[in-house]
PDB file of all heavy atoms in Angstrom:
ATOM      1  N   GLY A   1      11.736   6.982  15.874  1.00  0.00           N
ATOM      2  CA  GLY A   1      11.134   8.063  15.092  1.00  0.00           C
ATOM      3  C   GLY A   1      11.450   7.896  13.619  1.00  0.00           C
ATOM      4  O   GLY A   1      10.596   8.082  12.742  1.00  0.00           O
ATOM      5  N   ARG A   2      12.684   7.523  13.321  1.00  0.00           N
ATOM      6  CA  ARG A   2      13.070   7.262  11.928  1.00  0.00           C
ATOM      7  C   ARG A   2      12.298   6.058  11.383  1.00  0.00           C
ATOM      8  O   ARG A   2      11.884   6.043  10.221  1.00  0.00           O
ATOM      9  CB  ARG A   2      14.575   7.031  11.825  1.00  0.00           C
ATOM     10  CG  ARG A   2      15.381   8.283  12.094  1.00  0.00           C
ATOM     11  CD  ARG A   2      16.889   7.991  12.040  1.00  0.00           C
ATOM     12  NE  ARG A   2      17.652   9.075  12.596  1.00  0.00           N
ATOM     13  CZ  ARG A   2      17.952  10.200  11.970  1.00  0.00           C
ATOM     14  NH1 ARG A   2      17.529  10.387  10.745  1.00  0.00           N
ATOM     15  NH2 ARG A   2      18.658  11.135  12.559  1.00  0.00           N
ATOM     16  N   ALA A   3      12.126   5.041  12.201  1.00  0.00           N
ATOM     17  CA  ALA A   3      11.359   3.868  11.776  1.00  0.00           C
ATOM     18  C   ALA A   3       9.904   4.253  11.489  1.00  0.00           C
ATOM     19  O   ALA A   3       9.305   3.760  10.526  1.00  0.00           O
ATOM     20  CB  ALA A   3      11.428   2.774  12.838  1.00  0.00           C
ATOM     21  N   ALA A   4       9.347   5.146  12.294  1.00  0.00           N
ATOM     22  CA  ALA A   4       7.968   5.607  12.059  1.00  0.00           C
ATOM     23  C   ALA A   4       7.873   6.366  10.734  1.00  0.00           C
ATOM     24  O   ALA A   4       6.908   6.198   9.977  1.00  0.00           O
ATOM     25  CB  ALA A   4       7.506   6.484  13.220  1.00  0.00           C
ATOM     26  N   LEU A   5       8.876   7.198  10.436  1.00  0.00           N
ATOM     27  CA  LEU A   5       8.891   7.909   9.152  1.00  0.00           C
ATOM     28  C   LEU A   5       9.049   6.926   7.987  1.00  0.00           C
ATOM     29  O   LEU A   5       8.404   7.084   6.941  1.00  0.00           O
ATOM     30  CB  LEU A   5      10.003   8.946   9.129  1.00  0.00           C
ATOM     31  CG  LEU A   5       9.813  10.144  10.062  1.00  0.00           C
ATOM     32  CD1 LEU A   5      11.064  11.022  10.065  1.00  0.00           C
ATOM     33  CD2 LEU A   5       8.595  10.947   9.662  1.00  0.00           C
ATOM     34  N   ALA A   6       9.889   5.917   8.164  1.00  0.00           N
ATOM     35  CA  ALA A   6      10.053   4.899   7.125  1.00  0.00           C
ATOM     36  C   ALA A   6       8.739   4.155   6.896  1.00  0.00           C
ATOM     37  O   ALA A   6       8.362   3.887   5.752  1.00  0.00           O
ATOM     38  CB  ALA A   6      11.165   3.925   7.510  1.00  0.00           C
ATOM     39  N   ALA A   7       8.019   3.839   7.966  1.00  0.00           N
ATOM     40  CA  ALA A   7       6.727   3.154   7.840  1.00  0.00           C
ATOM     41  C   ALA A   7       5.716   4.032   7.107  1.00  0.00           C
ATOM     42  O   ALA A   7       4.951   3.546   6.267  1.00  0.00           O
ATOM     43  CB  ALA A   7       6.204   2.755   9.217  1.00  0.00           C
ATOM     44  N   ALA A   8       5.715   5.326   7.394  1.00  0.00           N
ATOM     45  CA  ALA A   8       4.803   6.238   6.702  1.00  0.00           C
ATOM     46  C   ALA A   8       5.134   6.305   5.210  1.00  0.00           C
ATOM     47  O   ALA A   8       4.232   6.287   4.365  1.00  0.00           O
ATOM     48  CB  ALA A   8       4.875   7.630   7.334  1.00  0.00           C
ATOM     49  N   LEU A   9       6.410   6.340   4.871  1.00  0.00           N
ATOM     50  CA  LEU A   9       6.810   6.363   3.467  1.00  0.00           C
ATOM     51  C   LEU A   9       6.456   5.045   2.787  1.00  0.00           C
ATOM     52  O   LEU A   9       5.947   5.031   1.661  1.00  0.00           O
ATOM     53  CB  LEU A   9       8.312   6.640   3.344  1.00  0.00           C
ATOM     54  CG  LEU A   9       8.865   6.725   1.923  1.00  0.00           C
ATOM     55  CD1 LEU A   9       8.195   7.845   1.137  1.00  0.00           C
ATOM     56  CD2 LEU A   9      10.374   6.925   1.955  1.00  0.00           C
ATOM     57  N   ALA A  10       6.686   3.929   3.466  1.00  0.00           N
ATOM     58  CA  ALA A  10       6.405   2.609   2.887  1.00  0.00           C
ATOM     59  C   ALA A  10       4.921   2.437   2.563  1.00  0.00           C
ATOM     60  O   ALA A  10       4.572   1.661   1.668  1.00  0.00           O
ATOM     61  CB  ALA A  10       6.863   1.509   3.844  1.00  0.00           C
ATOM     62  N   ALA A  11       4.060   3.158   3.247  1.00  0.00           N
ATOM     63  CA  ALA A  11       2.612   3.049   3.026  1.00  0.00           C
ATOM     64  C   ALA A  11       2.135   3.865   1.817  1.00  0.00           C
ATOM     65  O   ALA A  11       0.982   3.756   1.425  1.00  0.00           O
ATOM     66  CB  ALA A  11       1.863   3.492   4.281  1.00  0.00           C
ATOM     67  N   ARG A  12       2.990   4.681   1.243  1.00  0.00           N
ATOM     68  CA  ARG A  12       2.630   5.545   0.113  1.00  0.00           C
ATOM     69  C   ARG A  12       2.833   4.801  -1.204  1.00  0.00           C
ATOM     70  O   ARG A  12       3.635   3.877  -1.273  1.00  0.00           O
ATOM     71  CB  ARG A  12       3.491   6.810   0.090  1.00  0.00           C
ATOM     72  CG  ARG A  12       3.736   7.464   1.398  1.00  0.00           C
ATOM     73  CD  ARG A  12       2.732   8.347   1.935  1.00  0.00           C
ATOM     74  NE  ARG A  12       2.028   9.211   1.032  1.00  0.00           N
ATOM     75  CZ  ARG A  12       1.005   9.928   1.450  1.00  0.00           C
ATOM     76  NH1 ARG A  12       0.624   9.867   2.693  1.00  0.00           N
ATOM     77  NH2 ARG A  12       0.376  10.708   0.632  1.00  0.00           N
ATOM     78  N   PRO A  13       2.182   5.253  -2.280  1.00  0.00           N
ATOM     79  CA  PRO A  13       2.514   4.719  -3.605  1.00  0.00           C
ATOM     80  C   PRO A  13       3.935   5.162  -3.978  1.00  0.00           C
ATOM     81  O   PRO A  13       4.244   6.353  -3.931  1.00  0.00           O
ATOM     82  CB  PRO A  13       1.489   5.376  -4.533  1.00  0.00           C
ATOM     83  CG  PRO A  13       0.433   5.950  -3.653  1.00  0.00           C
ATOM     84  CD  PRO A  13       1.064   6.186  -2.317  1.00  0.00           C
ATOM     85  N   LEU A  14       4.803   4.214  -4.312  1.00  0.00           N
ATOM     86  CA  LEU A  14       6.201   4.510  -4.610  1.00  0.00           C
ATOM     87  C   LEU A  14       6.554   4.044  -6.023  1.00  0.00           C
ATOM     88  O   LEU A  14       6.119   2.972  -6.460  1.00  0.00           O
ATOM     89  CB  LEU A  14       7.124   3.816  -3.600  1.00  0.00           C
ATOM     90  CG  LEU A  14       6.943   4.227  -2.142  1.00  0.00           C
ATOM     91  CD1 LEU A  14       7.789   3.337  -1.229  1.00  0.00           C
ATOM     92  CD2 LEU A  14       7.296   5.690  -1.945  1.00  0.00           C
ATOM     93  N   HIS A  15       7.362   4.855  -6.709  1.00  0.00           N
ATOM     94  CA  HIS A  15       7.826   4.536  -8.054  1.00  0.00           C
ATOM     95  C   HIS A  15       9.319   4.827  -8.158  1.00  0.00           C
ATOM     96  O   HIS A  15       9.787   5.836  -7.625  1.00  0.00           O
ATOM     97  CB  HIS A  15       7.086   5.370  -9.099  1.00  0.00           C
ATOM     98  CG  HIS A  15       5.663   4.982  -9.267  1.00  0.00           C
ATOM     99  ND1 HIS A  15       4.661   5.400  -8.417  1.00  0.00           N
ATOM    100  CD2 HIS A  15       5.067   4.197 -10.194  1.00  0.00           C
ATOM    101  CE1 HIS A  15       3.514   4.890  -8.804  1.00  0.00           C
ATOM    102  NE2 HIS A  15       3.722   4.162  -9.889  1.00  0.00           N
ATOM    103  N   LEU A  16      10.033   3.956  -8.863  1.00  0.00           N
ATOM    104  CA  LEU A  16      11.431   4.200  -9.189  1.00  0.00           C
ATOM    105  C   LEU A  16      11.486   4.740 -10.616  1.00  0.00           C
ATOM    106  O   LEU A  16      10.958   4.127 -11.539  1.00  0.00           O
ATOM    107  CB  LEU A  16      12.255   2.917  -9.082  1.00  0.00           C
ATOM    108  CG  LEU A  16      12.578   2.488  -7.651  1.00  0.00           C
ATOM    109  CD1 LEU A  16      13.207   1.101  -7.635  1.00  0.00           C
ATOM    110  CD2 LEU A  16      13.509   3.493  -7.007  1.00  0.00           C
ATOM    111  N   ALA A  17      12.100   5.897 -10.751  1.00  0.00           N
ATOM    112  CA  ALA A  17      12.196   6.550 -12.056  1.00  0.00           C
ATOM    113  C   ALA A  17      13.633   6.529 -12.532  1.00  0.00           C
ATOM    114  O   ALA A  17      14.565   6.495 -11.735  1.00  0.00           O
ATOM    115  CB  ALA A  17      11.703   7.993 -11.945  1.00  0.00           C
ATOM    116  N   TRP A  18      13.780   6.559 -13.857  1.00  0.00           N
ATOM    117  CA  TRP A  18      15.108   6.676 -14.428  1.00  0.00           C
ATOM    118  C   TRP A  18      15.097   7.753 -15.482  1.00  0.00           C
ATOM    119  O   TRP A  18      14.054   8.092 -16.038  1.00  0.00           O
ATOM    120  CB  TRP A  18      15.641   5.375 -14.949  1.00  0.00           C
ATOM    121  CG  TRP A  18      14.789   4.589 -15.938  1.00  0.00           C
ATOM    122  CD1 TRP A  18      13.697   5.022 -16.651  1.00  0.00           C
ATOM    123  CD2 TRP A  18      14.980   3.243 -16.310  1.00  0.00           C
ATOM    124  NE1 TRP A  18      13.209   4.026 -17.442  1.00  0.00           N
ATOM    125  CE2 TRP A  18      13.982   2.908 -17.258  1.00  0.00           C
ATOM    126  CE3 TRP A  18      15.891   2.275 -15.964  1.00  0.00           C
ATOM    127  CZ2 TRP A  18      13.880   1.653 -17.837  1.00  0.00           C
ATOM    128  CZ3 TRP A  18      15.776   1.022 -16.552  1.00  0.00           C
ATOM    129  CH2 TRP A  18      14.787   0.725 -17.465  1.00  0.00           C
ATOM    130  N   GLY A  19      16.280   8.331 -15.702  1.00  0.00           N
ATOM    131  CA  GLY A  19      16.357   9.419 -16.662  1.00  0.00           C
ATOM    132  C   GLY A  19      17.688   9.455 -17.379  1.00  0.00           C
ATOM    133  O   GLY A  19      18.659   8.819 -16.964  1.00  0.00           O
ATOM    134  N   GLU A  20      17.702  10.215 -18.468  1.00  0.00           N
ATOM    135  CA  GLU A  20      18.920  10.376 -19.260  1.00  0.00           C
ATOM    136  C   GLU A  20      19.926  11.282 -18.572  1.00  0.00           C
ATOM    137  O   GLU A  20      21.121  11.205 -18.833  1.00  0.00           O
ATOM    138  CB  GLU A  20      18.585  10.946 -20.639  1.00  0.00           C
ATOM    139  CG  GLU A  20      17.883   9.956 -21.530  1.00  0.00           C
ATOM    140  CD  GLU A  20      17.607  10.510 -22.917  1.00  0.00           C
ATOM    141  OE1 GLU A  20      18.144  11.590 -23.266  1.00  0.00           O
ATOM    142  OE2 GLU A  20      16.857   9.873 -23.652  1.00  0.00           O
ATOM    143  N   GLY A  21      19.470  12.173 -17.710  1.00  0.00           N
ATOM    144  CA  GLY A  21      20.384  13.072 -17.026  1.00  0.00           C
ATOM    145  C   GLY A  21      21.129  13.967 -17.997  1.00  0.00           C
ATOM    146  O   GLY A  21      20.626  14.300 -19.067  1.00  0.00           O
ATOM    147  N   ASP A  22      22.335  14.329 -17.635  1.00  0.00           N
ATOM    148  CA  ASP A  22      23.160  15.233 -18.430  1.00  0.00           C
ATOM    149  C   ASP A  22      24.417  14.484 -18.896  1.00  0.00           C
ATOM    150  O   ASP A  22      25.176  13.990 -18.065  1.00  0.00           O
ATOM    151  CB  ASP A  22      23.556  16.433 -17.568  1.00  0.00           C
ATOM    152  CG  ASP A  22      24.329  17.494 -18.308  1.00  0.00           C
ATOM    153  OD1 ASP A  22      24.850  17.218 -19.413  1.00  0.00           O
ATOM    154  OD2 ASP A  22      24.431  18.615 -17.776  1.00  0.00           O
ATOM    155  N   PRO A  23      24.668  14.410 -20.208  1.00  0.00           N
ATOM    156  CA  PRO A  23      25.872  13.723 -20.687  1.00  0.00           C
ATOM    157  C   PRO A  23      27.172  14.294 -20.094  1.00  0.00           C
ATOM    158  O   PRO A  23      28.182  13.594 -20.035  1.00  0.00           O
ATOM    159  CB  PRO A  23      25.825  13.922 -22.209  1.00  0.00           C
ATOM    160  CG  PRO A  23      24.376  14.118 -22.511  1.00  0.00           C
ATOM    161  CD  PRO A  23      23.815  14.846 -21.319  1.00  0.00           C
ATOM    162  N   ALA A  24      27.150  15.540 -19.621  1.00  0.00           N
ATOM    163  CA  ALA A  24      28.346  16.136 -19.006  1.00  0.00           C
ATOM    164  C   ALA A  24      28.729  15.412 -17.713  1.00  0.00           C
ATOM    165  O   ALA A  24      29.855  15.554 -17.243  1.00  0.00           O
ATOM    166  CB  ALA A  24      28.112  17.622 -18.730  1.00  0.00           C
ATOM    167  N   TRP A  25      27.810  14.638 -17.141  1.00  0.00           N
ATOM    168  CA  TRP A  25      28.109  13.879 -15.929  1.00  0.00           C
ATOM    169  C   TRP A  25      29.026  12.690 -16.209  1.00  0.00           C
ATOM    170  O   TRP A  25      29.675  12.178 -15.305  1.00  0.00           O
ATOM    171  CB  TRP A  25      26.839  13.343 -15.279  1.00  0.00           C
ATOM    172  CG  TRP A  25      25.854  14.368 -14.834  1.00  0.00           C
ATOM    173  CD1 TRP A  25      26.077  15.706 -14.611  1.00  0.00           C
ATOM    174  CD2 TRP A  25      24.477  14.145 -14.564  1.00  0.00           C
ATOM    175  NE1 TRP A  25      24.910  16.309 -14.215  1.00  0.00           N
ATOM    176  CE2 TRP A  25      23.909  15.370 -14.176  1.00  0.00           C
ATOM    177  CE3 TRP A  25      23.658  13.029 -14.610  1.00  0.00           C
ATOM    178  CZ2 TRP A  25      22.576  15.519 -13.829  1.00  0.00           C
ATOM    179  CZ3 TRP A  25      22.320  13.163 -14.267  1.00  0.00           C
ATOM    180  CH2 TRP A  25      21.794  14.392 -13.881  1.00  0.00           C
ATOM    181  N   ASP A  26      29.053  12.205 -17.450  1.00  0.00           N
ATOM    182  CA  ASP A  26      29.828  11.004 -17.782  1.00  0.00           C
ATOM    183  C   ASP A  26      31.295  11.210 -17.415  1.00  0.00           C
ATOM    184  O   ASP A  26      31.937  12.147 -17.886  1.00  0.00           O
ATOM    185  CB  ASP A  26      29.706  10.672 -19.267  1.00  0.00           C
ATOM    186  CG  ASP A  26      28.285  10.289 -19.670  1.00  0.00           C
ATOM    187  OD1 ASP A  26      27.414  10.210 -18.795  1.00  0.00           O
ATOM    188  OD2 ASP A  26      28.060  10.081 -20.873  1.00  0.00           O
ATOM    189  N   GLY A  27      31.792  10.344 -16.566  1.00  0.00           N
ATOM    190  CA  GLY A  27      33.195  10.396 -16.173  1.00  0.00           C
ATOM    191  C   GLY A  27      33.533  11.472 -15.157  1.00  0.00           C
ATOM    192  O   GLY A  27      34.682  11.609 -14.765  1.00  0.00           O
ATOM    193  N   ALA A  28      32.549  12.253 -14.716  1.00  0.00           N
ATOM    194  CA  ALA A  28      32.815  13.316 -13.736  1.00  0.00           C
ATOM    195  C   ALA A  28      33.007  12.721 -12.357  1.00  0.00           C
ATOM    196  O   ALA A  28      32.366  11.733 -11.995  1.00  0.00           O
ATOM    197  CB  ALA A  28      31.677  14.322 -13.732  1.00  0.00           C
ATOM    198  N   ALA A  29      33.866  13.326 -11.567  1.00  0.00           N
ATOM    199  CA  ALA A  29      34.089  12.893 -10.186  1.00  0.00           C
ATOM    200  C   ALA A  29      32.933  13.375  -9.319  1.00  0.00           C
ATOM    201  O   ALA A  29      32.247  14.346  -9.654  1.00  0.00           O
ATOM    202  CB  ALA A  29      35.405  13.459  -9.674  1.00  0.00           C
ATOM    203  N   GLY A  30      32.714  12.702  -8.188  1.00  0.00           N
ATOM    204  CA  GLY A  30      31.604  13.016  -7.307  1.00  0.00           C
ATOM    205  C   GLY A  30      31.482  14.474  -6.924  1.00  0.00           C
ATOM    206  O   GLY A  30      30.403  15.040  -6.920  1.00  0.00           O
ATOM    207  N   ALA A  31      32.599  15.124  -6.610  1.00  0.00           N
ATOM    208  CA  ALA A  31      32.564  16.525  -6.175  1.00  0.00           C
ATOM    209  C   ALA A  31      32.141  17.465  -7.299  1.00  0.00           C
ATOM    210  O   ALA A  31      31.630  18.554  -7.037  1.00  0.00           O
ATOM    211  CB  ALA A  31      33.924  16.941  -5.632  1.00  0.00           C
ATOM    212  N   SER A  32      32.332  17.054  -8.542  1.00  0.00           N
ATOM    213  CA  SER A  32      31.965  17.936  -9.655  1.00  0.00           C
ATOM    214  C   SER A  32      30.535  17.716 -10.132  1.00  0.00           C
ATOM    215  O   SER A  32      30.064  18.439 -11.002  1.00  0.00           O
ATOM    216  CB  SER A  32      32.943  17.749 -10.819  1.00  0.00           C
ATOM    217  OG  SER A  32      32.845  16.437 -11.319  1.00  0.00           O
ATOM    218  N   LEU A  33      29.843  16.733  -9.565  1.00  0.00           N
ATOM    219  CA  LEU A  33      28.446  16.486  -9.924  1.00  0.00           C
ATOM    220  C   LEU A  33      27.545  17.431  -9.137  1.00  0.00           C
ATOM    221  O   LEU A  33      27.870  17.840  -8.032  1.00  0.00           O
ATOM    222  CB  LEU A  33      28.077  15.031  -9.638  1.00  0.00           C
ATOM    223  CG  LEU A  33      28.801  13.990 -10.492  1.00  0.00           C
ATOM    224  CD1 LEU A  33      28.508  12.594  -9.984  1.00  0.00           C
ATOM    225  CD2 LEU A  33      28.410  14.140 -11.949  1.00  0.00           C
ATOM    226  N   PRO A  34      26.376  17.748  -9.686  1.00  0.00           N
ATOM    227  CA  PRO A  34      25.485  18.663  -8.976  1.00  0.00           C
ATOM    228  C   PRO A  34      24.908  18.022  -7.712  1.00  0.00           C
ATOM    229  O   PRO A  34      24.717  16.806  -7.652  1.00  0.00           O
ATOM    230  CB  PRO A  34      24.380  18.937  -9.993  1.00  0.00           C
ATOM    231  CG  PRO A  34      24.402  17.775 -10.920  1.00  0.00           C
ATOM    232  CD  PRO A  34      25.836  17.315 -10.962  1.00  0.00           C
ATOM    233  N   SER A  35      24.628  18.850  -6.717  1.00  0.00           N
ATOM    234  CA  SER A  35      23.957  18.375  -5.509  1.00  0.00           C
ATOM    235  C   SER A  35      22.497  18.112  -5.843  1.00  0.00           C
ATOM    236  O   SER A  35      21.863  18.874  -6.572  1.00  0.00           O
ATOM    237  CB  SER A  35      24.042  19.427  -4.402  1.00  0.00           C
ATOM    238  OG  SER A  35      23.211  19.048  -3.323  1.00  0.00           O
ATOM    239  N   LEU A  36      21.956  17.040  -5.290  1.00  0.00           N
ATOM    240  CA  LEU A  36      20.562  16.695  -5.533  1.00  0.00           C
ATOM    241  C   LEU A  36      19.677  17.002  -4.324  1.00  0.00           C
ATOM    242  O   LEU A  36      18.492  16.696  -4.342  1.00  0.00           O
ATOM    243  CB  LEU A  36      20.456  15.212  -5.913  1.00  0.00           C
ATOM    244  CG  LEU A  36      21.238  14.805  -7.168  1.00  0.00           C
ATOM    245  CD1 LEU A  36      21.135  13.303  -7.399  1.00  0.00           C
ATOM    246  CD2 LEU A  36      20.764  15.578  -8.373  1.00  0.00           C
TER     247      LEU A  36
END
């Protein structure tokens, strides 16, 4: 079932995006970063 979902996603137009984010994240530990 997971493989079927992966196949459905692979068939879509996909883009990798990058961003500046928040400078307050610099040097922050994982637990103090926001949940995505």
